[in-house]
C-alpha atoms as a PDB file:
ATOM      1  CA  MET A   1     110.970 106.998 100.202  1.00  0.00           C
ATOM      2  CA  THR A   2     109.657 106.036  96.797  1.00  0.00           C
ATOM      3  CA  SER A   3     111.859 106.378  93.754  1.00  0.00           C
ATOM      4  CA  PRO A   4     110.401 106.864  90.260  1.00  0.00           C
ATOM      5  CA  SER A   5     111.525 103.335  89.374  1.00  0.00           C
ATOM      6  CA  GLN A   6     109.674 101.766  92.279  1.00  0.00           C
ATOM      7  CA  ILE A   7     106.356  99.928  92.304  1.00  0.00           C
ATOM      8  CA  ARG A   8     103.730 101.182  94.774  1.00  0.00           C
ATOM      9  CA  MET A   9     101.087  98.828  96.095  1.00  0.00           C
ATOM     10  CA  PHE A  10      98.005 100.012  97.962  1.00  0.00           C
ATOM     11  CA  GLY A  11      96.429  97.286 100.086  1.00  0.00           C
ATOM     12  CA  ALA A  12      95.166  96.059 103.429  1.00  0.00           C
ATOM     13  CA  GLN A  13      95.882  92.984 105.556  1.00  0.00           C
ATOM     14  CA  TRP A  14      92.205  91.912 105.578  1.00  0.00           C
ATOM     15  CA  CYS A  15      92.227  91.697 101.764  1.00  0.00           C
ATOM     16  CA  ARG A  16      93.112  88.223 100.449  1.00  0.00           C
ATOM     17  CA  ASP A  17      94.096  89.541  97.000  1.00  0.00           C
ATOM     18  CA  CYS A  18      96.329  92.138  98.666  1.00  0.00           C
ATOM     19  CA  ARG A  19      98.121  89.486 100.724  1.00  0.00           C
ATOM     20  CA  ARG A  20      98.607  87.355  97.598  1.00  0.00           C
ATOM     21  CA  THR A  21      99.969  90.223  95.505  1.00  0.00           C
ATOM     22  CA  LYS A  22     102.264  91.405  98.316  1.00  0.00           C
ATOM     23  CA  ALA A  23     103.618  87.865  98.733  1.00  0.00           C
ATOM     24  CA  GLN A  24     104.276  87.703  94.991  1.00  0.00           C
ATOM     25  CA  LEU A  25     106.181  90.993  94.976  1.00  0.00           C
ATOM     26  CA  ASP A  26     108.198  89.764  97.963  1.00  0.00           C
ATOM     27  CA  GLU A  27     108.918  86.447  96.224  1.00  0.00           C
ATOM     28  CA  LEU A  28     110.100  88.313  93.111  1.00  0.00           C
ATOM     29  CA  GLU A  29     112.381  90.353  95.417  1.00  0.00           C
ATOM     30  CA  LEU A  30     111.225  93.612  93.877  1.00  0.00           C
ATOM     31  CA  ASP A  31     111.822  97.008  95.414  1.00  0.00           C
ATOM     32  CA  TYR A  32     108.336  98.314  96.118  1.00  0.00           C
ATOM     33  CA  GLU A  33     106.504 100.552  98.524  1.00  0.00           C
ATOM     34  CA  TYR A  34     103.551  99.020 100.347  1.00  0.00           C
ATOM     35  CA  ILE A  35     100.922 101.533 101.400  1.00  0.00           C
ATOM     36  CA  ASP A  36      98.805 100.017 104.173  1.00  0.00           C
ATOM     37  CA  LEU A  37      95.324 101.480 103.876  1.00  0.00           C
ATOM     38  CA  GLU A  38      94.490 100.407 107.429  1.00  0.00           C
ATOM     39  CA  ALA A  39      97.427 102.392 108.817  1.00  0.00           C
ATOM     40  CA  ASP A  40      96.887 105.295 106.398  1.00  0.00           C
ATOM     41  CA  PRO A  41      93.163 105.575 105.558  1.00  0.00           C
ATOM     42  CA  ALA A  42      93.756 108.792 103.588  1.00  0.00           C
ATOM     43  CA  ALA A  43      95.811 106.754 101.105  1.00  0.00           C
ATOM     44  CA  ALA A  44      92.595 105.014 100.034  1.00  0.00           C
ATOM     45  CA  LYS A  45      91.610 108.259  98.296  1.00  0.00           C
ATOM     46  CA  VAL A  46      94.956 108.264  96.470  1.00  0.00           C
ATOM     47  CA  ALA A  47      94.412 104.661  95.344  1.00  0.00           C
ATOM     48  CA  GLU A  48      90.911 105.539  94.158  1.00  0.00           C
ATOM     49  CA  GLU A  49      92.220 108.566  92.241  1.00  0.00           C
ATOM     50  CA  ILE A  50      94.800 106.357  90.502  1.00  0.00           C
ATOM     51  CA  SER A  51      92.406 103.580  89.572  1.00  0.00           C
ATOM     52  CA  GLY A  52      89.020 105.291  89.415  1.00  0.00           C
ATOM     53  CA  ARG A  53      87.705 102.424  91.543  1.00  0.00           C
ATOM     54  CA  THR A  54      87.411 101.503  95.204  1.00  0.00           C
ATOM     55  CA  ARG A  55      88.803  97.976  94.747  1.00  0.00           C
ATOM     56  CA  ILE A  56      92.185  96.867  96.096  1.00  0.00           C
ATOM     57  CA  PRO A  57      94.954  96.037  95.670  1.00  0.00           C
ATOM     58  CA  VAL A  58      96.012  98.818  93.362  1.00  0.00           C
ATOM     59  CA  VAL A  59      99.494  98.330  91.960  1.00  0.00           C
ATOM     60  CA  LEU A  60     101.096 101.428  90.428  1.00  0.00           C
ATOM     61  CA  TYR A  61     104.064 100.828  88.137  1.00  0.00           C
ATOM     62  CA  PRO A  62     107.005 103.127  87.348  1.00  0.00           C
ATOM     63  CA  ASP A  63     105.709 103.718  83.809  1.00  0.00           C
ATOM     64  CA  GLY A  64     102.528 105.272  85.253  1.00  0.00           C
ATOM     65  CA  SER A  65     100.299 102.300  84.468  1.00  0.00           C
ATOM     66  CA  HIS A  66      98.358 100.488  87.161  1.00  0.00           C
ATOM     67  CA  GLN A  67      96.467  97.275  87.830  1.00  0.00           C
ATOM     68  CA  VAL A  68      93.475  96.753  90.108  1.00  0.00           C
ATOM     69  CA  GLU A  69      93.034  93.330  91.707  1.00  0.00           C
ATOM     70  CA  PRO A  70      95.643  91.828  89.369  1.00  0.00           C
ATOM     71  CA  SER A  71      96.171  88.105  89.052  1.00  0.00           C
ATOM     72  CA  ASN A  72      99.656  86.722  89.638  1.00  0.00           C
ATOM     73  CA  ALA A  73      99.965  86.275  85.866  1.00  0.00           C
ATOM     74  CA  ASP A  74      99.041  89.943  85.301  1.00  0.00           C
ATOM     75  CA  VAL A  75     101.706  91.132  87.751  1.00  0.00           C
ATOM     76  CA  GLU A  76     104.332  88.791  86.331  1.00  0.00           C
ATOM     77  CA  ALA A  77     103.618  89.914  82.760  1.00  0.00           C
ATOM     78  CA  LYS A  78     103.848  93.593  83.712  1.00  0.00           C
ATOM     79  CA  VAL A  79     107.075  93.089  85.659  1.00  0.00           C
ATOM     80  CA  ARG A  80     108.605  91.286  82.688  1.00  0.00           C
ATOM     81  CA  GLU A  81     107.435  94.074  80.378  1.00  0.00           C
ATOM     82  CA  LEU A  82     109.162  96.626  82.602  1.00  0.00           C
ATOM     83  CA  LEU A  83     112.258  94.449  82.976  1.00  0.00           C
ATOM     84  CA  LEU A  84     112.086  94.819  86.734  1.00  0.00           C
ATOM     85  CA  SER A  85     112.644  91.141  87.392  1.00  0.00           C
ATOM     86  CA  ASP A  86     115.211  88.598  86.249  1.00  0.00           C
END
């Protein structure tokens, strides 16, 4: 179950950027929900509604902001901004 303070990441195993971003979130030991678009194809529509695009990964942050295909530096900067990481 997702809490309001939790990151949500929409991605797929075949997507290299998704695997990289997921590994980064794991490395940062953040509490996040991973939505696998292969296992839940309907979630792709949700990701598209959030981002207005069909690109993945889509990372949704607790403050309501999101990133599409973020670099590691983008994710790290946002996490620091939100004080979700040490």
